Structures are given as structure tokens and as C-alpha cells.
Amino acid sequence: MEVTKILLPYDRIKQNHDLSAEGLSLLEFFIESGGHGLSKYDLEHHASLKFPVLDGKNIHEIILDLVNKCIVSFKSDVYTLTGKFKADNNIAEYVDSSEKKLRFGTYEGVKNAMPSLNAIFQNDSNVVYVFLAITPHYVFVKLMERIERKRKTIFFMPDVSCFRNTNEKNKHRDVLKGWIEFIKKQDTEFVEFYLVKNRRNDKNRDRYSFLYSSLLAKSTVRFNIYKYDDDGRLVSGVGKLIECKTNENSLYDIVERCYTDAWNERIGVRKINGKMWIKRFFSNNIYWILFSTLMLIVLISAFIFVKMLPSSQSPLMLLLDIFVPAISLVAFPLSLFKSKITKLFYRKKLPF
């Protein structure tokens, strides 16, 4: 039986518990995230993206106030809403609403995010691919161990153009700067970092947003479940994800294909590897580079030909009379092979 979503009396909650605007926003983030355990990272990096009033604020100080007022409890750096607060404010009806939360809890592959990630980083000796949203390097506590054991990890992160609001763009800039400094400091072949160029879909979202917080390894995939609001904002089931093994079900095949597309559309980061940045630019734009080169050759050839012809007609008009049909003859057959040209550097299978 479906439970009807109720409208919580946030004004009354704010007044009864003497909450600041920041405290109320953080509480709303807890409730809209399903009321389950949130890590310190979830709060510091995700809460402010949904509630800009929290950006730059001391999250620890705000949450400590919620703890002192018995609204939030914590254990081992995982924070949850207290049962008493839920009961007093009818949060159960809100959290259990089928409108708010996708029900995949009965699937045997559901995992806690960080523990399962650390296990893969420790145990998988093959290449591991991770698609970030706006995630700093220090979140991956077992990454240094993988590098020291000479196990390769490849990270993807969307380009800044994939994000719409200023708060997200500023965080992206800071996180990218941290990744650049980290990778340059390591100076190793066992960690790679790429941005994925922006391709918006019909909902004006990054085409790869569904891969945020996912992972692909030879033996397993991890996939975070998201829900989208009517305005296109992303609502994540924070801290929980589905994991499945190779050939266990279709999820592995779907994620592998999407990671392959992300690999082929990746762009280099100039401050990390200038040569790779140039190489990826040519790989991603080979068709238009070829088209522009041929157009320039035709234009120069037509110009030379016009100079050689004795004619009373305007040189510009004569040039256009020659150039337009000439470029048409070149462009039409070239367009027929566009898909083949653009896939000259396309890898069909990811290396593990």
C-alpha cells in the first residue's frame, strides 16, 4: 500500500527546535535524502549543492547543534535522524513515500557506498574506472594504496559546462584544482583523470549524469540510483547503491557500454598532460578538422585558379562561382563517411 507524502511543517519545526536557516536547510537535506545514514562527506559536499545557503558554512558546527537538540544522532561518522524526531514530526510518512524513494532495498546487490568501494580498491588488481560527480581526491582513502601496489585507477568527471548553477561551478573548479595537484604530485601511470565533454540531453542535463558515483571493474559494477525532480534537479539515494558481478545481469552490460562511450568522448586536462589534451582534441574533432582542412584547400585552389583566369567578371563573384560547387563536391561524399571518420579513434572495449 502506498503511503501518501505529507507536507512537513518546517516553520513549526524551525520554531520549536530553535533552528537557524542553515540548520533547517541541513535538516531538510536529511529528510529529502530518505533519513538514512549520511557520512561527513555527504553533508559537506552534497548538502550545499542542494541548499546554497549552506555553501561555505561550518557544516560540523551546524550538525553538532542538531545533535545537541536530539534531531540527529551519529555513530562512526555516520549521521541519521533520531527515531524520536521522526515520530514527533511524522517523518516516517515522508521517508516511506513511494513518490520520494525508489524501492530497490530488497535487491541482494545493495551495498553501502564507501565500504564496498574500499573493498574493490583493495582487492581488484585490474583497471578500475570511476565516474565522479564533483568529488575530491581525498575521499578515496584507499587510492594511495592502489597506486603503491601498482594497480591502475581511471577517473572521469564531467566538464564544468555540465553544471548549471554558480555554486556547482565553483565547487567543480576547486575539486578539479585538487585533482590536478594530486596527480601531478604522484607523477605515476597508475592513476589517470579525464573530463568528459558536455553533451546535454532533452532535459538539459549532462548526458552522463546517471553514471555519477558509479564504478566499473572487470569483475563488478556499482551503480548509484538517482531520481529527477520535475525541474531536472538530481535527487540521490545518498550512500546506497546497487552492485552486480560480471554476467550476473544486464546492469553490467549497460554500465560497461556507457563507460566505453565516456572513454571515447573524454577530453584531457591540459594542466595534467598537455600532449594528451591535444591528442584528445584531435580525436574528438577529427571530422570537423578534416572538413575545415579540405575547405581551406578548396578555397586556396579556387583563389589561385581565379587569379590565372582572364575575366571581366568580379573576382569575388568568380571565386564564389567556383568555390561553392567545388566544396559541395567535397562535402557531400565526406558527410557520407562521417560516422566512420569520427570512429577512427573509437575503442569498442575497455582495457582491463
Protein backbone atom coordinates (compact mmCIF):
# COMPACT_ATOMS: atom_id res chain seq x y z
CA MET A 1 0.00 0.00 0.00
CA GLU A 2 1.40 3.39 -0.96
CA VAL A 3 1.99 5.92 1.77
CA THR A 4 0.91 9.44 0.87
CA LYS A 5 3.63 12.08 1.00
CA ILE A 6 2.80 14.75 3.54
CA LEU A 7 3.93 18.35 3.65
CA LEU A 8 6.12 18.76 6.71
CA PRO A 9 5.53 21.83 8.92
CA TYR A 10 9.04 23.22 8.52
CA ASP A 11 8.10 26.58 10.01
CA ARG A 12 6.86 24.88 13.18
CA ILE A 13 9.91 22.58 13.31
CA LYS A 14 12.21 25.57 12.95
CA GLN A 15 10.44 27.45 15.73
CA ASN A 16 10.07 24.51 18.16
CA HIS A 17 13.70 23.47 17.86
CA ASP A 18 15.13 27.00 17.58
CA LEU A 19 16.84 26.28 14.26
CA SER A 20 18.79 28.73 12.15
CA ALA A 21 18.19 28.94 8.39
CA GLU A 22 21.31 26.81 7.86
CA GLY A 23 20.20 24.25 10.44
CA LEU A 24 16.77 23.95 8.84
CA SER A 25 18.33 23.50 5.38
CA LEU A 26 20.59 20.74 6.65
CA LEU A 27 17.60 19.06 8.29
CA GLU A 28 15.68 19.26 5.00
CA PHE A 29 18.63 17.58 3.27
CA PHE A 30 18.45 14.71 5.77
CA ILE A 31 14.73 14.28 5.18
CA GLU A 32 14.89 14.55 1.39
CA SER A 33 17.73 12.01 1.37
CA GLY A 34 15.42 9.45 2.94
CA GLY A 35 16.52 9.93 6.53
CA HIS A 36 19.12 7.17 6.33
CA GLY A 37 22.80 7.39 7.27
CA LEU A 38 24.79 10.23 5.77
CA SER A 39 28.56 10.46 6.00
CA LYS A 40 30.52 13.60 6.76
CA TYR A 41 31.43 13.80 3.08
CA ASP A 42 27.76 13.58 2.01
CA LEU A 43 26.95 16.52 4.23
CA GLU A 44 29.91 18.71 3.34
CA HIS A 45 29.77 18.26 -0.42
CA HIS A 46 26.23 17.30 -1.37
CA ALA A 47 24.09 19.29 1.05
CA SER A 48 25.41 22.67 -0.11
CA LEU A 49 24.74 21.78 -3.75
CA LYS A 50 21.05 21.35 -3.00
CA PHE A 51 20.87 24.16 -0.43
CA PRO A 52 23.22 27.02 -1.46
CA VAL A 53 22.66 28.70 1.93
CA LEU A 54 25.00 26.03 3.34
CA ASP A 55 27.85 26.83 0.96
CA GLY A 56 30.91 27.97 2.87
CA LYS A 57 29.29 27.32 6.24
CA ASN A 58 30.77 25.19 9.02
CA ILE A 59 28.73 22.02 8.47
CA HIS A 60 30.22 20.36 11.56
CA GLU A 61 29.05 23.20 13.78
CA ILE A 62 25.54 23.14 12.29
CA ILE A 63 25.17 19.38 12.63
CA LEU A 64 26.52 19.48 16.20
CA ASP A 65 23.64 21.82 17.03
CA LEU A 66 21.20 19.28 15.53
CA VAL A 67 22.82 16.51 17.58
CA ASN A 68 22.56 18.53 20.79
CA LYS A 69 18.85 19.07 20.12
CA CYS A 70 18.31 15.30 19.63
CA ILE A 71 17.31 15.80 15.99
CA VAL A 72 20.30 13.90 14.62
CA SER A 73 22.37 11.09 16.06
CA PHE A 74 25.73 9.82 14.87
CA LYS A 75 27.80 6.68 15.05
CA SER A 76 31.19 6.13 13.44
CA ASP A 77 30.89 9.38 11.44
CA VAL A 78 27.53 8.33 10.00
CA TYR A 79 24.64 10.63 10.86
CA THR A 80 20.94 9.75 10.97
CA LEU A 81 17.70 11.36 12.07
CA THR A 82 16.71 10.23 15.56
CA GLY A 83 13.68 8.00 15.92
CA LYS A 84 12.07 10.42 18.36
CA PHE A 85 12.35 13.32 15.95
CA LYS A 86 10.84 11.21 13.17
CA ALA A 87 7.96 10.14 15.39
CA ASP A 88 7.23 13.64 16.73
CA ASN A 89 7.12 15.15 13.25
CA ASN A 90 5.59 12.29 11.22
CA ILE A 91 8.80 11.91 9.21
CA ALA A 92 8.05 8.22 8.69
CA GLU A 93 5.25 9.02 6.26
CA TYR A 94 7.54 11.32 4.34
CA VAL A 95 10.51 8.95 4.19
CA ASP A 96 8.43 5.92 3.22
CA SER A 97 6.58 7.74 0.47
CA SER A 98 6.77 5.78 -2.77
CA GLU A 99 6.91 9.12 -4.59
CA LYS A 100 10.19 10.01 -2.93
CA LYS A 101 12.26 6.87 -2.98
CA LEU A 102 12.95 4.12 -5.47
CA ARG A 103 12.48 0.78 -3.77
CA PHE A 104 15.48 -1.39 -4.53
CA GLY A 105 16.22 -2.36 -0.92
CA THR A 106 15.24 -5.99 -1.47
CA TYR A 107 17.83 -6.46 -4.23
CA GLU A 108 20.69 -8.55 -2.84
CA GLY A 109 23.29 -6.38 -4.51
CA VAL A 110 22.54 -3.24 -2.47
CA LYS A 111 25.73 -2.01 -0.79
CA ASN A 112 26.95 0.82 1.39
CA ALA A 113 28.96 3.12 -0.84
CA MET A 114 32.34 3.70 0.80
CA PRO A 115 32.96 0.26 2.40
CA SER A 116 32.26 -1.54 -0.88
CA LEU A 117 34.38 0.96 -2.82
CA ASN A 118 37.32 0.46 -0.45
CA ALA A 119 36.98 -3.31 -0.80
CA ILE A 120 37.17 -3.07 -4.60
CA PHE A 121 40.14 -0.69 -4.44
CA GLN A 122 41.94 -3.13 -2.15
CA ASN A 123 41.08 -6.42 -3.83
CA ASP A 124 40.78 -5.73 -7.57
CA SER A 125 44.14 -5.98 -9.30
CA ASN A 126 42.75 -4.94 -12.71
CA VAL A 127 41.99 -1.46 -14.02
CA VAL A 128 39.11 0.20 -12.15
CA TYR A 129 37.05 3.02 -13.72
CA VAL A 130 35.19 5.54 -11.56
CA PHE A 131 32.80 8.29 -12.74
CA LEU A 132 32.71 11.23 -10.35
CA ALA A 133 30.14 13.99 -9.94
CA ILE A 134 32.07 16.70 -8.08
CA THR A 135 34.19 14.52 -5.82
CA PRO A 136 37.60 15.46 -4.35
CA HIS A 137 40.51 13.01 -4.45
CA TYR A 138 40.88 12.69 -0.67
CA VAL A 139 37.53 10.88 -0.42
CA PHE A 140 39.21 7.80 -1.92
CA VAL A 141 41.14 6.70 1.15
CA LYS A 142 42.46 3.51 -0.49
CA LEU A 143 43.65 5.20 -3.68
CA MET A 144 47.22 5.71 -2.46
CA GLU A 145 47.36 2.04 -1.52
CA ARG A 146 46.30 1.08 -5.06
CA ILE A 147 48.96 3.34 -6.56
CA GLU A 148 51.65 1.87 -4.29
CA ARG A 149 50.58 -1.64 -5.31
CA LYS A 150 50.78 -0.57 -8.98
CA ARG A 151 47.08 -1.05 -9.68
CA LYS A 152 45.60 1.36 -12.18
CA THR A 153 42.57 3.56 -11.49
CA ILE A 154 40.97 5.82 -14.12
CA PHE A 155 38.65 8.63 -13.05
CA PHE A 156 36.13 10.52 -15.17
CA MET A 157 34.48 13.79 -14.13
CA PRO A 158 32.02 15.90 -16.15
CA ASP A 159 33.24 19.16 -17.58
CA VAL A 160 32.22 22.33 -15.72
CA SER A 161 29.75 23.18 -18.51
CA CYS A 162 27.62 20.23 -17.37
CA PHE A 163 26.59 22.14 -14.25
CA ARG A 164 24.09 24.97 -14.26
CA ASN A 165 24.33 26.92 -11.03
CA THR A 166 27.23 29.03 -9.76
CA ASN A 167 27.61 27.02 -6.57
CA GLU A 168 28.23 23.80 -8.51
CA LYS A 169 30.61 25.51 -10.92
CA ASN A 170 32.68 26.95 -8.05
CA LYS A 171 32.89 23.54 -6.35
CA HIS A 172 33.86 21.94 -9.65
CA ARG A 173 36.68 24.45 -10.07
CA ASP A 174 38.05 23.77 -6.57
CA VAL A 175 37.75 19.98 -6.86
CA LEU A 176 39.41 19.93 -10.30
CA LYS A 177 42.29 22.03 -8.94
CA GLY A 178 42.75 19.47 -6.15
CA TRP A 179 42.82 16.57 -8.62
CA ILE A 180 45.38 18.34 -10.80
CA GLU A 181 47.68 18.97 -7.82
CA PHE A 182 47.25 15.40 -6.55
CA ILE A 183 48.01 13.69 -9.87
CA LYS A 184 50.96 15.93 -10.70
CA LYS A 185 52.39 15.22 -7.25
CA GLN A 186 52.04 11.44 -7.69
CA ASP A 187 53.59 11.52 -11.19
CA THR A 188 52.57 7.92 -11.85
CA GLU A 189 50.98 5.91 -14.66
CA PHE A 190 48.70 4.14 -12.20
CA VAL A 191 46.14 6.92 -11.87
CA GLU A 192 44.53 8.81 -14.76
CA PHE A 193 41.98 11.60 -14.69
CA TYR A 194 39.80 12.85 -17.56
CA LEU A 195 36.96 15.27 -18.03
CA VAL A 196 34.05 14.17 -20.20
CA LYS A 197 32.79 16.79 -22.61
CA ASN A 198 29.28 18.10 -22.18
CA ARG A 199 26.52 16.58 -24.30
CA ARG A 200 23.16 17.72 -22.93
CA ASN A 201 20.05 15.63 -23.44
CA ASP A 202 16.49 16.85 -23.95
CA LYS A 203 16.10 17.53 -20.21
CA ASN A 204 19.07 19.91 -20.30
CA ARG A 205 21.10 17.57 -18.08
CA ASP A 206 24.56 16.16 -18.57
CA ARG A 207 24.13 13.05 -20.71
CA TYR A 208 26.30 11.05 -18.30
CA SER A 209 24.72 12.24 -15.05
CA PHE A 210 23.31 8.75 -14.42
CA LEU A 211 26.90 7.47 -14.09
CA TYR A 212 27.73 9.78 -11.18
CA SER A 213 29.21 7.79 -8.25
CA SER A 214 29.29 4.58 -10.30
CA LEU A 215 32.23 2.23 -10.85
CA LEU A 216 33.26 -0.31 -13.46
CA ALA A 217 35.75 -3.09 -12.81
CA LYS A 218 36.45 -6.35 -14.62
CA SER A 219 34.51 -8.37 -12.08
CA THR A 220 31.82 -5.95 -10.91
CA VAL A 221 29.91 -2.72 -11.42
CA ARG A 222 28.47 -0.34 -8.82
CA PHE A 223 25.58 1.87 -9.80
CA ASN A 224 24.00 4.66 -7.76
CA ILE A 225 20.25 5.19 -8.08
CA TYR A 226 19.00 8.71 -8.77
CA LYS A 227 15.59 10.29 -9.12
CA TYR A 228 14.93 13.53 -11.00
CA ASP A 229 12.63 16.29 -9.82
CA ASP A 230 10.27 17.97 -12.28
CA ASP A 231 12.75 20.81 -12.78
CA GLY A 232 15.51 18.35 -13.64
CA ARG A 233 17.36 18.52 -10.33
CA LEU A 234 19.03 15.33 -9.29
CA VAL A 235 17.86 13.58 -6.09
CA SER A 236 20.28 10.88 -5.00
CA GLY A 237 19.79 7.89 -2.74
CA VAL A 238 22.85 9.04 -0.84
CA GLY A 239 25.13 6.31 0.46
CA LYS A 240 23.34 3.32 -1.12
CA LEU A 241 23.96 1.70 -4.50
CA ILE A 242 23.43 -1.47 -6.50
CA GLU A 243 26.37 -3.76 -7.16
CA CYS A 244 26.42 -6.71 -9.51
CA LYS A 245 29.04 -9.10 -10.84
CA THR A 246 30.09 -9.73 -14.43
CA ASN A 247 27.44 -11.61 -16.41
CA GLU A 248 25.15 -11.61 -13.36
CA ASN A 249 22.53 -9.49 -15.11
CA SER A 250 22.10 -6.81 -17.77
CA LEU A 251 23.26 -4.00 -15.47
CA TYR A 252 26.90 -4.89 -16.06
CA ASP A 253 26.49 -4.77 -19.85
CA ILE A 254 24.66 -1.42 -19.73
CA VAL A 255 27.24 0.25 -17.49
CA GLU A 256 30.17 -1.17 -19.47
CA ARG A 257 28.78 0.26 -22.73
CA CYS A 258 28.22 3.66 -21.13
CA TYR A 259 31.75 3.74 -19.71
CA THR A 260 33.06 2.83 -23.15
CA ASP A 261 31.22 5.85 -24.60
CA ALA A 262 32.60 8.08 -21.82
CA TRP A 263 36.11 6.78 -22.56
CA ASN A 264 35.79 7.60 -26.24
CA GLU A 265 34.38 11.08 -25.57
CA ARG A 266 36.78 12.02 -22.78
CA ILE A 267 38.92 15.13 -23.01
CA GLY A 268 42.33 15.55 -21.49
CA VAL A 269 43.20 18.03 -18.77
CA ARG A 270 45.86 20.39 -20.13
CA LYS A 271 47.48 21.04 -16.73
CA ILE A 272 47.86 17.30 -16.12
CA ASN A 273 49.05 16.14 -19.54
CA GLY A 274 49.35 18.68 -22.34
CA LYS A 275 50.11 16.06 -25.00
CA MET A 276 47.05 14.03 -24.06
CA TRP A 277 44.91 17.20 -24.12
CA ILE A 278 46.00 17.90 -27.72
CA LYS A 279 45.57 14.26 -28.73
CA ARG A 280 42.04 14.11 -27.34
CA PHE A 281 41.13 17.40 -29.04
CA PHE A 282 42.07 15.94 -32.43
CA SER A 283 40.39 12.60 -31.65
CA ASN A 284 37.11 14.23 -30.61
CA ASN A 285 37.05 16.67 -33.53
CA ILE A 286 38.68 14.67 -36.34
CA TYR A 287 35.73 15.07 -38.72
CA TRP A 288 35.48 18.86 -38.41
CA ILE A 289 39.25 19.25 -38.56
CA LEU A 290 39.31 17.23 -41.77
CA PHE A 291 36.33 19.13 -43.17
CA SER A 292 37.88 22.54 -42.38
CA THR A 293 41.22 21.49 -43.87
CA LEU A 294 39.61 20.35 -47.12
CA MET A 295 37.51 23.50 -47.29
CA LEU A 296 40.63 25.63 -46.88
CA ILE A 297 42.45 23.66 -49.59
CA VAL A 298 39.49 24.10 -51.99
CA LEU A 299 39.31 27.82 -51.19
CA ILE A 300 43.03 28.37 -51.83
CA SER A 301 42.88 26.30 -55.02
CA ALA A 302 39.87 28.25 -56.27
CA PHE A 303 41.60 31.56 -55.46
CA ILE A 304 44.71 30.54 -57.43
CA PHE A 305 42.55 29.38 -60.33
CA VAL A 306 40.65 32.71 -60.40
CA LYS A 307 43.94 34.61 -60.47
CA MET A 308 45.01 32.67 -63.53
CA LEU A 309 41.77 33.35 -65.49
CA PRO A 310 41.46 36.49 -67.59
CA SER A 311 37.89 37.63 -66.92
CA SER A 312 35.88 40.80 -66.81
CA GLN A 313 33.67 39.34 -64.07
CA SER A 314 34.20 40.41 -60.47
CA PRO A 315 36.99 38.25 -58.92
CA LEU A 316 34.88 37.73 -55.79
CA MET A 317 31.84 36.53 -57.76
CA LEU A 318 34.02 34.31 -59.91
CA LEU A 319 35.63 32.86 -56.78
CA LEU A 320 32.20 32.08 -55.31
CA ASP A 321 31.04 30.56 -58.59
CA ILE A 322 33.95 28.12 -58.45
CA PHE A 323 34.20 27.60 -54.66
CA VAL A 324 30.55 26.77 -53.90
CA PRO A 325 30.16 23.83 -56.32
CA ALA A 326 33.70 22.64 -55.55
CA ILE A 327 33.13 22.48 -51.78
CA SER A 328 29.76 20.80 -52.39
CA LEU A 329 31.50 18.05 -54.36
CA VAL A 330 33.93 17.57 -51.46
CA ALA A 331 31.48 17.95 -48.57
CA PHE A 332 28.79 15.55 -49.80
CA PRO A 333 30.93 12.38 -50.04
CA LEU A 334 32.73 13.39 -46.84
CA SER A 335 29.41 13.61 -44.98
CA LEU A 336 28.52 10.06 -46.10
CA PHE A 337 31.53 8.75 -44.19
CA LYS A 338 31.12 10.98 -41.13
CA SER A 339 30.30 8.16 -38.71
CA LYS A 340 33.28 6.10 -39.90
CA ILE A 341 35.62 9.08 -39.67
CA THR A 342 34.51 10.03 -36.16
CA LYS A 343 35.16 6.45 -35.01
CA LEU A 344 38.73 6.29 -36.26
CA PHE A 345 39.90 6.55 -32.64
CA TYR A 346 36.89 4.79 -31.10
CA ARG A 347 37.64 1.92 -28.75
CA LYS A 348 34.91 -0.73 -28.62
CA LYS A 349 36.12 -2.47 -25.48
CA LEU A 350 37.76 -1.01 -22.39
CA PRO A 351 41.13 -2.48 -21.37
CA PHE A 352 41.22 -4.25 -18.03
